[in-house]
PDB file of all heavy atoms in Angstrom:
ATOM      1  N   ILE A   1       2.077   7.710   2.867  1.00  0.00           N
ATOM      2  CA  ILE A   1       0.690   7.465   2.482  1.00  0.00           C
ATOM      3  C   ILE A   1       0.518   7.911   1.030  1.00  0.00           C
ATOM      4  O   ILE A   1       0.898   9.021   0.664  1.00  0.00           O
ATOM      5  CB  ILE A   1      -0.275   8.223   3.407  1.00  0.00           C
ATOM      6  CG1 ILE A   1      -0.185   7.671   4.826  1.00  0.00           C
ATOM      7  CG2 ILE A   1      -1.715   8.124   2.897  1.00  0.00           C
ATOM      8  CD1 ILE A   1      -0.999   8.431   5.840  1.00  0.00           C
ATOM      9  N   GLY A   2      -0.042   7.039   0.212  1.00  0.00           N
ATOM     10  CA  GLY A   2      -0.187   7.330  -1.213  1.00  0.00           C
ATOM     11  C   GLY A   2       0.836   6.614  -2.072  1.00  0.00           C
ATOM     12  O   GLY A   2       0.686   6.553  -3.293  1.00  0.00           O
ATOM     13  N   ASP A   3       1.890   6.051  -1.444  1.00  0.00           N
ATOM     14  CA  ASP A   3       2.906   5.310  -2.210  1.00  0.00           C
ATOM     15  C   ASP A   3       2.329   4.003  -2.731  1.00  0.00           C
ATOM     16  O   ASP A   3       1.507   3.354  -2.077  1.00  0.00           O
ATOM     17  CB  ASP A   3       4.122   5.002  -1.334  1.00  0.00           C
ATOM     18  CG  ASP A   3       5.033   6.196  -1.162  1.00  0.00           C
ATOM     19  OD1 ASP A   3       4.747   7.243  -1.775  1.00  0.00           O
ATOM     20  OD2 ASP A   3       6.014   6.091  -0.413  1.00  0.00           O
ATOM     21  N   TRP A   4       2.803   3.617  -3.907  1.00  0.00           N
ATOM     22  CA  TRP A   4       2.461   2.300  -4.460  1.00  0.00           C
ATOM     23  C   TRP A   4       3.572   1.340  -4.029  1.00  0.00           C
ATOM     24  O   TRP A   4       4.739   1.539  -4.372  1.00  0.00           O
ATOM     25  CB  TRP A   4       2.347   2.392  -5.969  1.00  0.00           C
ATOM     26  CG  TRP A   4       2.277   1.055  -6.679  1.00  0.00           C
ATOM     27  CD1 TRP A   4       1.962  -0.158  -6.133  1.00  0.00           C
ATOM     28  CD2 TRP A   4       2.527   0.800  -8.063  1.00  0.00           C
ATOM     29  NE1 TRP A   4       1.986  -1.149  -7.072  1.00  0.00           N
ATOM     30  CE2 TRP A   4       2.332  -0.599  -8.271  1.00  0.00           C
ATOM     31  CE3 TRP A   4       2.880   1.622  -9.119  1.00  0.00           C
ATOM     32  CZ2 TRP A   4       2.496  -1.177  -9.523  1.00  0.00           C
ATOM     33  CZ3 TRP A   4       3.045   1.025 -10.369  1.00  0.00           C
ATOM     34  CH2 TRP A   4       2.853  -0.348 -10.563  1.00  0.00           C
ATOM     35  N   ILE A   5       3.201   0.315  -3.238  1.00  0.00           N
ATOM     36  CA  ILE A   5       4.189  -0.664  -2.793  1.00  0.00           C
ATOM     37  C   ILE A   5       3.744  -2.067  -3.198  1.00  0.00           C
ATOM     38  O   ILE A   5       2.554  -2.334  -3.397  1.00  0.00           O
ATOM     39  CB  ILE A   5       4.419  -0.609  -1.265  1.00  0.00           C
ATOM     40  CG1 ILE A   5       3.168  -1.075  -0.501  1.00  0.00           C
ATOM     41  CG2 ILE A   5       4.864   0.765  -0.832  1.00  0.00           C
ATOM     42  CD1 ILE A   5       3.416  -1.270   0.993  1.00  0.00           C
ATOM     43  N   THR A   6       4.741  -2.941  -3.320  1.00  0.00           N
ATOM     44  CA  THR A   6       4.494  -4.356  -3.603  1.00  0.00           C
ATOM     45  C   THR A   6       5.203  -5.179  -2.543  1.00  0.00           C
ATOM     46  O   THR A   6       6.411  -5.013  -2.334  1.00  0.00           O
ATOM     47  CB  THR A   6       5.014  -4.740  -4.997  1.00  0.00           C
ATOM     48  OG1 THR A   6       4.360  -3.937  -5.984  1.00  0.00           O
ATOM     49  CG2 THR A   6       4.753  -6.207  -5.285  1.00  0.00           C
ATOM     50  N   MET A   7       4.457  -6.042  -1.879  1.00  0.00           N
ATOM     51  CA  MET A   7       5.010  -6.911  -0.836  1.00  0.00           C
ATOM     52  C   MET A   7       4.431  -8.306  -1.053  1.00  0.00           C
ATOM     53  O   MET A   7       3.323  -8.620  -0.618  1.00  0.00           O
ATOM     54  CB  MET A   7       4.663  -6.370   0.549  1.00  0.00           C
ATOM     55  CG  MET A   7       5.621  -6.797   1.631  1.00  0.00           C
ATOM     56  SD  MET A   7       5.380  -5.814   3.144  1.00  0.00           S
ATOM     57  CE  MET A   7       6.790  -6.358   4.102  1.00  0.00           C
ATOM     58  N   ASP A   8       5.194  -9.150  -1.755  1.00  0.00           N
ATOM     59  CA  ASP A   8       4.689 -10.461  -2.177  1.00  0.00           C
ATOM     60  C   ASP A   8       4.318 -11.351  -1.002  1.00  0.00           C
ATOM     61  O   ASP A   8       3.387 -12.156  -1.095  1.00  0.00           O
ATOM     62  CB  ASP A   8       5.734 -11.160  -3.052  1.00  0.00           C
ATOM     63  CG  ASP A   8       5.967 -10.427  -4.363  1.00  0.00           C
ATOM     64  OD1 ASP A   8       5.017  -9.763  -4.830  1.00  0.00           O
ATOM     65  OD2 ASP A   8       7.093 -10.501  -4.899  1.00  0.00           O
ATOM     66  N   ARG A   9       5.038 -11.217   0.107  1.00  0.00           N
ATOM     67  CA  ARG A   9       4.785 -12.098   1.249  1.00  0.00           C
ATOM     68  C   ARG A   9       3.355 -11.953   1.749  1.00  0.00           C
ATOM     69  O   ARG A   9       2.733 -12.926   2.177  1.00  0.00           O
ATOM     70  CB  ARG A   9       5.762 -11.773   2.372  1.00  0.00           C
ATOM     71  CG  ARG A   9       5.532 -12.586   3.635  1.00  0.00           C
ATOM     72  CD  ARG A   9       6.507 -12.224   4.730  1.00  0.00           C
ATOM     73  NE  ARG A   9       6.190 -12.924   5.969  1.00  0.00           N
ATOM     74  CZ  ARG A   9       6.850 -12.746   7.110  1.00  0.00           C
ATOM     75  NH1 ARG A   9       7.866 -11.898   7.160  1.00  0.00           N
ATOM     76  NH2 ARG A   9       6.489 -13.406   8.188  1.00  0.00           N
ATOM     77  N   TYR A  10       2.813 -10.742   1.708  1.00  0.00           N
ATOM     78  CA  TYR A  10       1.460 -10.494   2.193  1.00  0.00           C
ATOM     79  C   TYR A  10       0.459 -10.306   1.054  1.00  0.00           C
ATOM     80  O   TYR A  10      -0.698  -9.983   1.305  1.00  0.00           O
ATOM     81  CB  TYR A  10       1.449  -9.256   3.093  1.00  0.00           C
ATOM     82  CG  TYR A  10       2.257  -9.421   4.355  1.00  0.00           C
ATOM     83  CD1 TYR A  10       3.569  -8.964   4.424  1.00  0.00           C
ATOM     84  CD2 TYR A  10       1.722 -10.056   5.465  1.00  0.00           C
ATOM     85  CE1 TYR A  10       4.322  -9.125   5.581  1.00  0.00           C
ATOM     86  CE2 TYR A  10       2.472 -10.222   6.621  1.00  0.00           C
ATOM     87  CZ  TYR A  10       3.764  -9.756   6.668  1.00  0.00           C
ATOM     88  OH  TYR A  10       4.508  -9.922   7.820  1.00  0.00           O
ATOM     89  N   GLY A  11       0.897 -10.494  -0.184  1.00  0.00           N
ATOM     90  CA  GLY A  11      -0.009 -10.336  -1.325  1.00  0.00           C
ATOM     91  C   GLY A  11      -0.449  -8.905  -1.532  1.00  0.00           C
ATOM     92  O   GLY A  11      -1.551  -8.658  -2.037  1.00  0.00           O
ATOM     93  N   ALA A  12       0.391  -7.957  -1.136  1.00  0.00           N
ATOM     94  CA  ALA A  12       0.043  -6.534  -1.255  1.00  0.00           C
ATOM     95  C   ALA A  12       0.637  -5.961  -2.533  1.00  0.00           C
ATOM     96  O   ALA A  12       1.825  -6.127  -2.807  1.00  0.00           O
ATOM     97  CB  ALA A  12       0.560  -5.754  -0.054  1.00  0.00           C
ATOM     98  N   ASP A  13      -0.192  -5.294  -3.299  1.00  0.00           N
ATOM     99  CA  ASP A  13       0.248  -4.623  -4.524  1.00  0.00           C
ATOM    100  C   ASP A  13      -0.727  -3.487  -4.808  1.00  0.00           C
ATOM    101  O   ASP A  13      -1.732  -3.669  -5.488  1.00  0.00           O
ATOM    102  CB  ASP A  13       0.297  -5.605  -5.702  1.00  0.00           C
ATOM    103  CG  ASP A  13       0.885  -4.975  -6.954  1.00  0.00           C
ATOM    104  OD1 ASP A  13       1.525  -3.913  -6.842  1.00  0.00           O
ATOM    105  OD2 ASP A  13       0.694  -5.538  -8.050  1.00  0.00           O
ATOM    106  N   GLY A  14      -0.436  -2.314  -4.251  1.00  0.00           N
ATOM    107  CA  GLY A  14      -1.352  -1.191  -4.422  1.00  0.00           C
ATOM    108  C   GLY A  14      -0.881   0.024  -3.653  1.00  0.00           C
ATOM    109  O   GLY A  14       0.306   0.140  -3.296  1.00  0.00           O
ATOM    110  N   ASP A  15      -1.800   0.928  -3.366  1.00  0.00           N
ATOM    111  CA  ASP A  15      -1.486   2.209  -2.729  1.00  0.00           C
ATOM    112  C   ASP A  15      -1.655   2.126  -1.210  1.00  0.00           C
ATOM    113  O   ASP A  15      -2.641   1.558  -0.721  1.00  0.00           O
ATOM    114  CB  ASP A  15      -2.391   3.313  -3.280  1.00  0.00           C
ATOM    115  CG  ASP A  15      -2.193   3.516  -4.772  1.00  0.00           C
ATOM    116  OD1 ASP A  15      -1.054   3.318  -5.238  1.00  0.00           O
ATOM    117  OD2 ASP A  15      -3.165   3.864  -5.469  1.00  0.00           O
ATOM    118  N   VAL A  16      -0.721   2.713  -0.487  1.00  0.00           N
ATOM    119  CA  VAL A  16      -0.802   2.790   0.974  1.00  0.00           C
ATOM    120  C   VAL A  16      -1.852   3.835   1.339  1.00  0.00           C
ATOM    121  O   VAL A  16      -1.758   4.989   0.929  1.00  0.00           O
ATOM    122  CB  VAL A  16       0.554   3.171   1.590  1.00  0.00           C
ATOM    123  CG1 VAL A  16       0.436   3.330   3.097  1.00  0.00           C
ATOM    124  CG2 VAL A  16       1.603   2.121   1.246  1.00  0.00           C
ATOM    125  N   ILE A  17      -2.871   3.433   2.097  1.00  0.00           N
ATOM    126  CA  ILE A  17      -3.941   4.360   2.459  1.00  0.00           C
ATOM    127  C   ILE A  17      -3.906   4.737   3.937  1.00  0.00           C
ATOM    128  O   ILE A  17      -4.525   5.719   4.339  1.00  0.00           O
ATOM    129  CB  ILE A  17      -5.331   3.776   2.105  1.00  0.00           C
ATOM    130  CG1 ILE A  17      -5.564   2.438   2.823  1.00  0.00           C
ATOM    131  CG2 ILE A  17      -5.473   3.608   0.611  1.00  0.00           C
ATOM    132  CD1 ILE A  17      -6.959   1.867   2.600  1.00  0.00           C
ATOM    133  N   GLU A  18      -3.165   3.974   4.740  1.00  0.00           N
ATOM    134  CA  GLU A  18      -3.106   4.289   6.178  1.00  0.00           C
ATOM    135  C   GLU A  18      -1.877   3.653   6.792  1.00  0.00           C
ATOM    136  O   GLU A  18      -1.531   2.507   6.490  1.00  0.00           O
ATOM    137  CB  GLU A  18      -4.371   3.796   6.879  1.00  0.00           C
ATOM    138  CG  GLU A  18      -4.435   4.139   8.360  1.00  0.00           C
ATOM    139  CD  GLU A  18      -5.712   3.624   9.023  1.00  0.00           C
ATOM    140  OE1 GLU A  18      -6.736   3.520   8.330  1.00  0.00           O
ATOM    141  OE2 GLU A  18      -5.652   3.336  10.230  1.00  0.00           O
ATOM    142  N   ILE A  19      -1.198   4.413   7.651  1.00  0.00           N
ATOM    143  CA  ILE A  19      -0.066   3.893   8.426  1.00  0.00           C
ATOM    144  C   ILE A  19      -0.333   4.222   9.886  1.00  0.00           C
ATOM    145  O   ILE A  19      -0.391   5.397  10.256  1.00  0.00           O
ATOM    146  CB  ILE A  19       1.271   4.527   7.989  1.00  0.00           C
ATOM    147  CG1 ILE A  19       1.539   4.282   6.499  1.00  0.00           C
ATOM    148  CG2 ILE A  19       2.423   3.954   8.817  1.00  0.00           C
ATOM    149  CD1 ILE A  19       2.791   4.975   5.993  1.00  0.00           C
ATOM    150  N   ASN A  20      -0.539   3.202  10.702  1.00  0.00           N
ATOM    151  CA  ASN A  20      -0.724   3.440  12.124  1.00  0.00           C
ATOM    152  C   ASN A  20       0.245   2.584  12.920  1.00  0.00           C
ATOM    153  O   ASN A  20       1.167   1.992  12.360  1.00  0.00           O
ATOM    154  CB  ASN A  20      -2.183   3.190  12.548  1.00  0.00           C
ATOM    155  CG  ASN A  20      -2.668   1.802  12.179  1.00  0.00           C
ATOM    156  OD1 ASN A  20      -1.962   0.812  12.375  1.00  0.00           O
ATOM    157  ND2 ASN A  20      -3.874   1.703  11.630  1.00  0.00           N
ATOM    158  N   LEU A  21       0.035   2.523  14.212  1.00  0.00           N
ATOM    159  CA  LEU A  21       1.010   1.889  15.094  1.00  0.00           C
ATOM    160  C   LEU A  21       1.115   0.385  14.870  1.00  0.00           C
ATOM    161  O   LEU A  21       2.198  -0.187  14.966  1.00  0.00           O
ATOM    162  CB  LEU A  21       0.636   2.164  16.553  1.00  0.00           C
ATOM    163  CG  LEU A  21       1.742   1.977  17.591  1.00  0.00           C
ATOM    164  CD1 LEU A  21       2.906   2.891  17.282  1.00  0.00           C
ATOM    165  CD2 LEU A  21       1.210   2.235  18.979  1.00  0.00           C
ATOM    166  N   ALA A  22       0.027  -0.260  14.551  1.00  0.00           N
ATOM    167  CA  ALA A  22       0.007  -1.720  14.438  1.00  0.00           C
ATOM    168  C   ALA A  22       0.051  -2.203  13.000  1.00  0.00           C
ATOM    169  O   ALA A  22       0.674  -3.221  12.702  1.00  0.00           O
ATOM    170  CB  ALA A  22      -1.227  -2.285  15.143  1.00  0.00           C
ATOM    171  N   THR A  23      -0.607  -1.498  12.096  1.00  0.00           N
ATOM    172  CA  THR A  23      -0.764  -2.009  10.735  1.00  0.00           C
ATOM    173  C   THR A  23      -0.566  -0.924   9.682  1.00  0.00           C
ATOM    174  O   THR A  23      -0.690   0.267   9.961  1.00  0.00           O
ATOM    175  CB  THR A  23      -2.165  -2.617  10.534  1.00  0.00           C
ATOM    176  OG1 THR A  23      -3.159  -1.610  10.785  1.00  0.00           O
ATOM    177  CG2 THR A  23      -2.391  -3.809  11.448  1.00  0.00           C
ATOM    178  N   VAL A  24      -0.268  -1.403   8.487  1.00  0.00           N
ATOM    179  CA  VAL A  24      -0.243  -0.557   7.293  1.00  0.00           C
ATOM    180  C   VAL A  24      -1.303  -1.126   6.343  1.00  0.00           C
ATOM    181  O   VAL A  24      -1.282  -2.316   6.030  1.00  0.00           O
ATOM    182  CB  VAL A  24       1.140  -0.584   6.612  1.00  0.00           C
ATOM    183  CG1 VAL A  24       1.109   0.197   5.297  1.00  0.00           C
ATOM    184  CG2 VAL A  24       2.192  -0.017   7.533  1.00  0.00           C
ATOM    185  N   LYS A  25      -2.233  -0.270   5.918  1.00  0.00           N
ATOM    186  CA  LYS A  25      -3.301  -0.722   5.031  1.00  0.00           C
ATOM    187  C   LYS A  25      -2.968  -0.357   3.590  1.00  0.00           C
ATOM    188  O   LYS A  25      -2.617   0.781   3.298  1.00  0.00           O
ATOM    189  CB  LYS A  25      -4.639  -0.101   5.436  1.00  0.00           C
ATOM    190  CG  LYS A  25      -5.175  -0.619   6.756  1.00  0.00           C
ATOM    191  CD  LYS A  25      -6.545  -0.044   7.073  1.00  0.00           C
ATOM    192  CE  LYS A  25      -7.077  -0.569   8.405  1.00  0.00           C
ATOM    193  NZ  LYS A  25      -8.398   0.013   8.730  1.00  0.00           N
ATOM    194  N   VAL A  26      -3.082  -1.365   2.718  1.00  0.00           N
ATOM    195  CA  VAL A  26      -2.778  -1.177   1.302  1.00  0.00           C
ATOM    196  C   VAL A  26      -4.031  -1.510   0.496  1.00  0.00           C
ATOM    197  O   VAL A  26      -4.596  -2.603   0.646  1.00  0.00           O
ATOM    198  CB  VAL A  26      -1.611  -2.085   0.853  1.00  0.00           C
ATOM    199  CG1 VAL A  26      -1.342  -1.912  -0.634  1.00  0.00           C
ATOM    200  CG2 VAL A  26      -0.356  -1.776   1.665  1.00  0.00           C
ATOM    201  N   ARG A  27      -4.474  -0.551  -0.325  1.00  0.00           N
ATOM    202  CA  ARG A  27      -5.594  -0.816  -1.222  1.00  0.00           C
ATOM    203  C   ARG A  27      -5.029  -1.340  -2.536  1.00  0.00           C
ATOM    204  O   ARG A  27      -4.386  -0.622  -3.295  1.00  0.00           O
ATOM    205  CB  ARG A  27      -6.422   0.438  -1.476  1.00  0.00           C
ATOM    206  CG  ARG A  27      -7.630   0.162  -2.391  1.00  0.00           C
ATOM    207  CD  ARG A  27      -8.403   1.402  -2.748  1.00  0.00           C
ATOM    208  NE  ARG A  27      -9.119   1.942  -1.599  1.00  0.00           N
ATOM    209  CZ  ARG A  27      -8.874   3.125  -1.063  1.00  0.00           C
ATOM    210  NH1 ARG A  27      -7.911   3.896  -1.562  1.00  0.00           N
ATOM    211  NH2 ARG A  27      -9.574   3.556  -0.035  1.00  0.00           N
ATOM    212  N   ASN A  28      -5.262  -2.638  -2.782  1.00  0.00           N
ATOM    213  CA  ASN A  28      -4.741  -3.265  -3.990  1.00  0.00           C
ATOM    214  C   ASN A  28      -5.502  -2.786  -5.224  1.00  0.00           C
ATOM    215  O   ASN A  28      -6.575  -2.191  -5.125  1.00  0.00           O
ATOM    216  CB  ASN A  28      -4.831  -4.790  -3.868  1.00  0.00           C
ATOM    217  CG  ASN A  28      -4.039  -5.308  -2.682  1.00  0.00           C
ATOM    218  OD1 ASN A  28      -2.889  -4.943  -2.485  1.00  0.00           O
ATOM    219  ND2 ASN A  28      -4.669  -6.151  -1.872  1.00  0.00           N
ATOM    220  N   PHE A  29      -4.943  -3.101  -6.380  1.00  0.00           N
ATOM    221  CA  PHE A  29      -5.547  -2.612  -7.615  1.00  0.00           C
ATOM    222  C   PHE A  29      -6.852  -3.321  -7.954  1.00  0.00           C
ATOM    223  O   PHE A  29      -7.587  -2.880  -8.840  1.00  0.00           O
ATOM    224  CB  PHE A  29      -4.556  -2.727  -8.770  1.00  0.00           C
ATOM    225  CG  PHE A  29      -3.364  -1.830  -8.600  1.00  0.00           C
ATOM    226  CD1 PHE A  29      -2.074  -2.336  -8.602  1.00  0.00           C
ATOM    227  CD2 PHE A  29      -3.528  -0.469  -8.411  1.00  0.00           C
ATOM    228  CE1 PHE A  29      -0.983  -1.506  -8.435  1.00  0.00           C
ATOM    229  CE2 PHE A  29      -2.442   0.370  -8.238  1.00  0.00           C
ATOM    230  CZ  PHE A  29      -1.168  -0.147  -8.254  1.00  0.00           C
ATOM    231  N   ASP A  30      -7.128  -4.441  -7.284  1.00  0.00           N
ATOM    232  CA  ASP A  30      -8.428  -5.096  -7.471  1.00  0.00           C
ATOM    233  C   ASP A  30      -9.434  -4.635  -6.425  1.00  0.00           C
ATOM    234  O   ASP A  30     -10.465  -5.268  -6.218  1.00  0.00           O
ATOM    235  CB  ASP A  30      -8.276  -6.622  -7.429  1.00  0.00           C
ATOM    236  CG  ASP A  30      -7.671  -7.102  -6.112  1.00  0.00           C
ATOM    237  OD1 ASP A  30      -7.358  -6.237  -5.247  1.00  0.00           O
ATOM    238  OD2 ASP A  30      -7.517  -8.320  -5.939  1.00  0.00           O
ATOM    239  N   ASN A  31      -9.094  -3.506  -5.736  1.00  0.00           N
ATOM    240  CA  ASN A  31      -9.952  -2.871  -4.722  1.00  0.00           C
ATOM    241  C   ASN A  31     -10.091  -3.689  -3.443  1.00  0.00           C
ATOM    242  O   ASN A  31     -10.958  -3.387  -2.619  1.00  0.00           O
ATOM    243  CB  ASN A  31     -11.338  -2.550  -5.292  1.00  0.00           C
ATOM    244  CG  ASN A  31     -11.306  -1.404  -6.283  1.00  0.00           C
ATOM    245  OD1 ASN A  31     -10.514  -0.472  -6.121  1.00  0.00           O
ATOM    246  ND2 ASN A  31     -12.132  -1.460  -7.307  1.00  0.00           N
ATOM    247  N   THR A  32      -9.266  -4.720  -3.274  1.00  0.00           N
ATOM    248  CA  THR A  32      -9.200  -5.400  -1.982  1.00  0.00           C
ATOM    249  C   THR A  32      -8.216  -4.640  -1.089  1.00  0.00           C
ATOM    250  O   THR A  32      -7.430  -3.828  -1.565  1.00  0.00           O
ATOM    251  CB  THR A  32      -8.743  -6.852  -2.143  1.00  0.00           C
ATOM    252  OG1 THR A  32      -7.447  -6.872  -2.757  1.00  0.00           O
ATOM    253  CG2 THR A  32      -9.726  -7.627  -3.002  1.00  0.00           C
ATOM    254  N   THR A  33      -8.277  -4.907   0.199  1.00  0.00           N
ATOM    255  CA  THR A  33      -7.391  -4.236   1.156  1.00  0.00           C
ATOM    256  C   THR A  33      -6.532  -5.276   1.865  1.00  0.00           C
ATOM    257  O   THR A  33      -7.042  -6.263   2.378  1.00  0.00           O
ATOM    258  CB  THR A  33      -8.208  -3.448   2.202  1.00  0.00           C
ATOM    259  OG1 THR A  33      -9.017  -2.467   1.530  1.00  0.00           O
ATOM    260  CG2 THR A  33      -7.284  -2.741   3.179  1.00  0.00           C
ATOM    261  N   THR A  34      -5.241  -5.045   1.860  1.00  0.00           N
ATOM    262  CA  THR A  34      -4.292  -5.918   2.552  1.00  0.00           C
ATOM    263  C   THR A  34      -3.749  -5.198   3.783  1.00  0.00           C
ATOM    264  O   THR A  34      -3.357  -4.032   3.693  1.00  0.00           O
ATOM    265  CB  THR A  34      -3.124  -6.309   1.625  1.00  0.00           C
ATOM    266  OG1 THR A  34      -3.638  -6.985   0.480  1.00  0.00           O
ATOM    267  CG2 THR A  34      -2.142  -7.218   2.345  1.00  0.00           C
ATOM    268  N   THR A  35      -3.741  -5.884   4.911  1.00  0.00           N
ATOM    269  CA  THR A  35      -3.229  -5.323   6.159  1.00  0.00           C
ATOM    270  C   THR A  35      -1.864  -5.938   6.454  1.00  0.00           C
ATOM    271  O   THR A  35      -1.744  -7.162   6.528  1.00  0.00           O
ATOM    272  CB  THR A  35      -4.191  -5.592   7.320  1.00  0.00           C
ATOM    273  OG1 THR A  35      -5.470  -5.011   7.017  1.00  0.00           O
ATOM    274  CG2 THR A  35      -3.680  -4.976   8.597  1.00  0.00           C
ATOM    275  N   ILE A  36      -0.863  -5.084   6.610  1.00  0.00           N
ATOM    276  CA  ILE A  36       0.513  -5.524   6.834  1.00  0.00           C
ATOM    277  C   ILE A  36       0.962  -5.037   8.213  1.00  0.00           C
ATOM    278  O   ILE A  36       0.730  -3.867   8.554  1.00  0.00           O
ATOM    279  CB  ILE A  36       1.456  -4.948   5.760  1.00  0.00           C
ATOM    280  CG1 ILE A  36       0.990  -5.369   4.358  1.00  0.00           C
ATOM    281  CG2 ILE A  36       2.892  -5.394   5.991  1.00  0.00           C
ATOM    282  CD1 ILE A  36       1.742  -4.660   3.251  1.00  0.00           C
ATOM    283  N   PRO A  37       1.591  -5.883   9.043  1.00  0.00           N
ATOM    284  CA  PRO A  37       2.143  -5.395  10.319  1.00  0.00           C
ATOM    285  C   PRO A  37       3.170  -4.295  10.065  1.00  0.00           C
ATOM    286  O   PRO A  37       4.020  -4.431   9.181  1.00  0.00           O
ATOM    287  CB  PRO A  37       2.794  -6.642  10.923  1.00  0.00           C
ATOM    288  CG  PRO A  37       2.129  -7.804  10.240  1.00  0.00           C
ATOM    289  CD  PRO A  37       1.790  -7.332   8.858  1.00  0.00           C
ATOM    290  N   THR A  38       3.087  -3.221  10.821  1.00  0.00           N
ATOM    291  CA  THR A  38       3.969  -2.078  10.593  1.00  0.00           C
ATOM    292  C   THR A  38       5.434  -2.460  10.738  1.00  0.00           C
ATOM    293  O   THR A  38       6.283  -2.006   9.961  1.00  0.00           O
ATOM    294  CB  THR A  38       3.627  -0.940  11.580  1.00  0.00           C
ATOM    295  OG1 THR A  38       2.242  -0.609  11.445  1.00  0.00           O
ATOM    296  CG2 THR A  38       4.462   0.291  11.300  1.00  0.00           C
ATOM    297  N   TYR A  39       5.742  -3.323  11.713  1.00  0.00           N
ATOM    298  CA  TYR A  39       7.140  -3.666  11.939  1.00  0.00           C
ATOM    299  C   TYR A  39       7.736  -4.463  10.780  1.00  0.00           C
ATOM    300  O   TYR A  39       8.962  -4.532  10.634  1.00  0.00           O
ATOM    301  CB  TYR A  39       7.329  -4.423  13.254  1.00  0.00           C
ATOM    302  CG  TYR A  39       6.552  -5.719  13.377  1.00  0.00           C
ATOM    303  CD1 TYR A  39       7.008  -6.887  12.790  1.00  0.00           C
ATOM    304  CD2 TYR A  39       5.365  -5.769  14.104  1.00  0.00           C
ATOM    305  CE1 TYR A  39       6.308  -8.071  12.911  1.00  0.00           C
ATOM    306  CE2 TYR A  39       4.658  -6.947  14.230  1.00  0.00           C
ATOM    307  CZ  TYR A  39       5.128  -8.095  13.629  1.00  0.00           C
ATOM    308  OH  TYR A  39       4.417  -9.266  13.739  1.00  0.00           O
ATOM    309  N   SER A  40       6.878  -5.067   9.923  1.00  0.00           N
ATOM    310  CA  SER A  40       7.410  -5.824   8.782  1.00  0.00           C
ATOM    311  C   SER A  40       8.051  -4.907   7.747  1.00  0.00           C
ATOM    312  O   SER A  40       8.859  -5.362   6.930  1.00  0.00           O
ATOM    313  CB  SER A  40       6.296  -6.653   8.135  1.00  0.00           C
ATOM    314  OG  SER A  40       5.308  -5.810   7.567  1.00  0.00           O
ATOM    315  N   LEU A  41       7.714  -3.607   7.774  1.00  0.00           N
ATOM    316  CA  LEU A  41       8.330  -2.676   6.821  1.00  0.00           C
ATOM    317  C   LEU A  41       9.822  -2.509   7.086  1.00  0.00           C
ATOM    318  O   LEU A  41      10.580  -2.158   6.174  1.00  0.00           O
ATOM    319  CB  LEU A  41       7.639  -1.306   6.901  1.00  0.00           C
ATOM    320  CG  LEU A  41       6.178  -1.258   6.453  1.00  0.00           C
ATOM    321  CD1 LEU A  41       5.631   0.151   6.621  1.00  0.00           C
ATOM    322  CD2 LEU A  41       6.035  -1.708   5.008  1.00  0.00           C
ATOM    323  N   SER A  42      10.229  -2.740   8.339  1.00  0.00           N
ATOM    324  CA  SER A  42      11.647  -2.615   8.672  1.00  0.00           C
ATOM    325  C   SER A  42      12.351  -3.968   8.732  1.00  0.00           C
ATOM    326  O   SER A  42      13.581  -4.021   8.708  1.00  0.00           O
ATOM    327  CB  SER A  42      11.818  -1.893  10.015  1.00  0.00           C
ATOM    328  OG  SER A  42      11.152  -2.603  11.052  1.00  0.00           O
ATOM    329  N   SER A  43      11.581  -5.056   8.799  1.00  0.00           N
ATOM    330  CA  SER A  43      12.199  -6.382   8.918  1.00  0.00           C
ATOM    331  C   SER A  43      12.151  -7.180   7.612  1.00  0.00           C
ATOM    332  O   SER A  43      12.984  -8.057   7.402  1.00  0.00           O
ATOM    333  CB  SER A  43      11.506  -7.187  10.025  1.00  0.00           C
ATOM    334  OG  SER A  43      10.126  -7.372   9.743  1.00  0.00           O
TER     335      SER A  43
END
């Protein structure tokens, strides 16, 4: 939590604000929020 990650497939480019069982929430630099499936971090 707090890491800056970039994941082009989901349009995520910002800071990780939450990691839970189903999703990872990323606050992008334009203040939008991208939700990424947690299992995609390993796949």
